[in-house]
Amino acid sequence: MKSIKTFVAVTALTLVSFASFAQSISVDASTLDSAEAKIAAVAQQQGVQYKITEANTNNRVHMTAQLYK
């Protein structure tokens, strides 16, 4: 029983630390490639990975991504 409580506590703390790092960023650019390059540059500067969550192309490109470790 004690080991189960310890496991649950460690799991909860791990999820909290991951959730506290997750960061969303948005960029605007003239092309999809240049918008992704901007997001990749920010991710590389912070030493993290990214996942694009949204991209909208009207007259310009608006792209949103989630940064994570």
C-alpha atoms as a PDB file:
ATOM      1  CA  MET A   1       0.000   0.000   0.000  1.00  0.00           C
ATOM      2  CA  LYS A   2       2.845   2.378   0.846  1.00  0.00           C
ATOM      3  CA  SER A   3       4.515   1.708  -2.517  1.00  0.00           C
ATOM      4  CA  ILE A   4       1.266   2.466  -4.349  1.00  0.00           C
ATOM      5  CA  LYS A   5       0.945   5.816  -2.560  1.00  0.00           C
ATOM      6  CA  THR A   6       4.565   6.630  -3.393  1.00  0.00           C
ATOM      7  CA  PHE A   7       4.032   5.723  -7.048  1.00  0.00           C
ATOM      8  CA  VAL A   8       0.914   7.899  -7.267  1.00  0.00           C
ATOM      9  CA  ALA A   9       2.720  10.826  -5.627  1.00  0.00           C
ATOM     10  CA  VAL A  10       5.712  10.574  -7.984  1.00  0.00           C
ATOM     11  CA  THR A  11       3.432  10.328 -11.015  1.00  0.00           C
ATOM     12  CA  ALA A  12       1.443  13.377  -9.940  1.00  0.00           C
ATOM     13  CA  LEU A  13       4.580  15.441  -9.370  1.00  0.00           C
ATOM     14  CA  THR A  14       5.953  14.434 -12.759  1.00  0.00           C
ATOM     15  CA  LEU A  15       2.765  15.514 -14.502  1.00  0.00           C
ATOM     16  CA  VAL A  16       2.703  18.812 -12.627  1.00  0.00           C
ATOM     17  CA  SER A  17       6.291  19.621 -13.592  1.00  0.00           C
ATOM     18  CA  PHE A  18       5.588  18.748 -17.251  1.00  0.00           C
ATOM     19  CA  ALA A  19       2.408  20.815 -17.325  1.00  0.00           C
ATOM     20  CA  SER A  20       4.131  23.779 -15.738  1.00  0.00           C
ATOM     21  CA  PHE A  21       6.718  23.836 -18.541  1.00  0.00           C
ATOM     22  CA  ALA A  22       4.382  23.472 -21.530  1.00  0.00           C
ATOM     23  CA  GLN A  23       4.293  26.792 -23.341  1.00  0.00           C
ATOM     24  CA  SER A  24       2.313  27.954 -26.334  1.00  0.00           C
ATOM     25  CA  ILE A  25       3.755  30.421 -28.842  1.00  0.00           C
ATOM     26  CA  SER A  26       2.317  32.122 -31.912  1.00  0.00           C
ATOM     27  CA  VAL A  27       4.113  33.699 -34.854  1.00  0.00           C
ATOM     28  CA  ASP A  28       3.140  35.560 -38.022  1.00  0.00           C
ATOM     29  CA  ALA A  29       4.995  35.276 -41.326  1.00  0.00           C
ATOM     30  CA  SER A  30       4.501  35.487 -45.066  1.00  0.00           C
ATOM     31  CA  THR A  31       4.881  31.718 -45.752  1.00  0.00           C
ATOM     32  CA  LEU A  32       4.335  28.446 -43.903  1.00  0.00           C
ATOM     33  CA  ASP A  33       8.055  27.654 -44.117  1.00  0.00           C
ATOM     34  CA  SER A  34       9.115  30.958 -42.593  1.00  0.00           C
ATOM     35  CA  ALA A  35       6.536  30.651 -39.793  1.00  0.00           C
ATOM     36  CA  GLU A  36       7.788  27.169 -38.916  1.00  0.00           C
ATOM     37  CA  ALA A  37      11.388  28.419 -39.073  1.00  0.00           C
ATOM     38  CA  LYS A  38      10.545  31.105 -36.502  1.00  0.00           C
ATOM     39  CA  ILE A  39       9.000  28.520 -34.174  1.00  0.00           C
ATOM     40  CA  ALA A  40      11.944  26.156 -34.670  1.00  0.00           C
ATOM     41  CA  ALA A  41      14.371  28.968 -33.810  1.00  0.00           C
ATOM     42  CA  VAL A  42      12.567  29.729 -30.545  1.00  0.00           C
ATOM     43  CA  ALA A  43      12.451  26.029 -29.643  1.00  0.00           C
ATOM     44  CA  GLN A  44      16.144  25.589 -30.415  1.00  0.00           C
ATOM     45  CA  GLN A  45      17.065  28.667 -28.386  1.00  0.00           C
ATOM     46  CA  GLN A  46      15.192  27.253 -25.372  1.00  0.00           C
ATOM     47  CA  GLY A  47      16.510  23.734 -25.951  1.00  0.00           C
ATOM     48  CA  VAL A  48      13.048  22.180 -26.317  1.00  0.00           C
ATOM     49  CA  GLN A  49      10.916  20.442 -28.925  1.00  0.00           C
ATOM     50  CA  TYR A  50       7.769  21.784 -30.547  1.00  0.00           C
ATOM     51  CA  LYS A  51       4.518  20.563 -32.032  1.00  0.00           C
ATOM     52  CA  ILE A  52       2.518  22.771 -34.373  1.00  0.00           C
ATOM     53  CA  THR A  53      -1.062  22.951 -33.156  1.00  0.00           C
ATOM     54  CA  GLU A  54      -2.581  25.447 -35.613  1.00  0.00           C
ATOM     55  CA  ALA A  55      -1.808  27.201 -38.872  1.00  0.00           C
ATOM     56  CA  ASN A  56      -4.001  29.736 -40.653  1.00  0.00           C
ATOM     57  CA  THR A  57      -3.308  31.211 -44.062  1.00  0.00           C
ATOM     58  CA  ASN A  58      -5.257  34.269 -45.151  1.00  0.00           C
ATOM     59  CA  ASN A  59      -3.113  37.094 -46.488  1.00  0.00           C
ATOM     60  CA  ARG A  60      -0.390  36.101 -44.025  1.00  0.00           C
ATOM     61  CA  VAL A  61       0.397  32.944 -42.085  1.00  0.00           C
ATOM     62  CA  HIS A  62      -0.451  32.699 -38.395  1.00  0.00           C
ATOM     63  CA  MET A  63       0.968  29.600 -36.673  1.00  0.00           C
ATOM     64  CA  THR A  64       0.715  28.364 -33.090  1.00  0.00           C
ATOM     65  CA  ALA A  65       2.874  25.674 -31.511  1.00  0.00           C
ATOM     66  CA  GLN A  66       3.279  23.960 -28.158  1.00  0.00           C
ATOM     67  CA  LEU A  67       6.826  23.862 -26.742  1.00  0.00           C
ATOM     68  CA  TYR A  68       7.782  20.938 -24.516  1.00  0.00           C
ATOM     69  CA  LYS A  69      10.840  19.168 -23.174  1.00  0.00           C
END
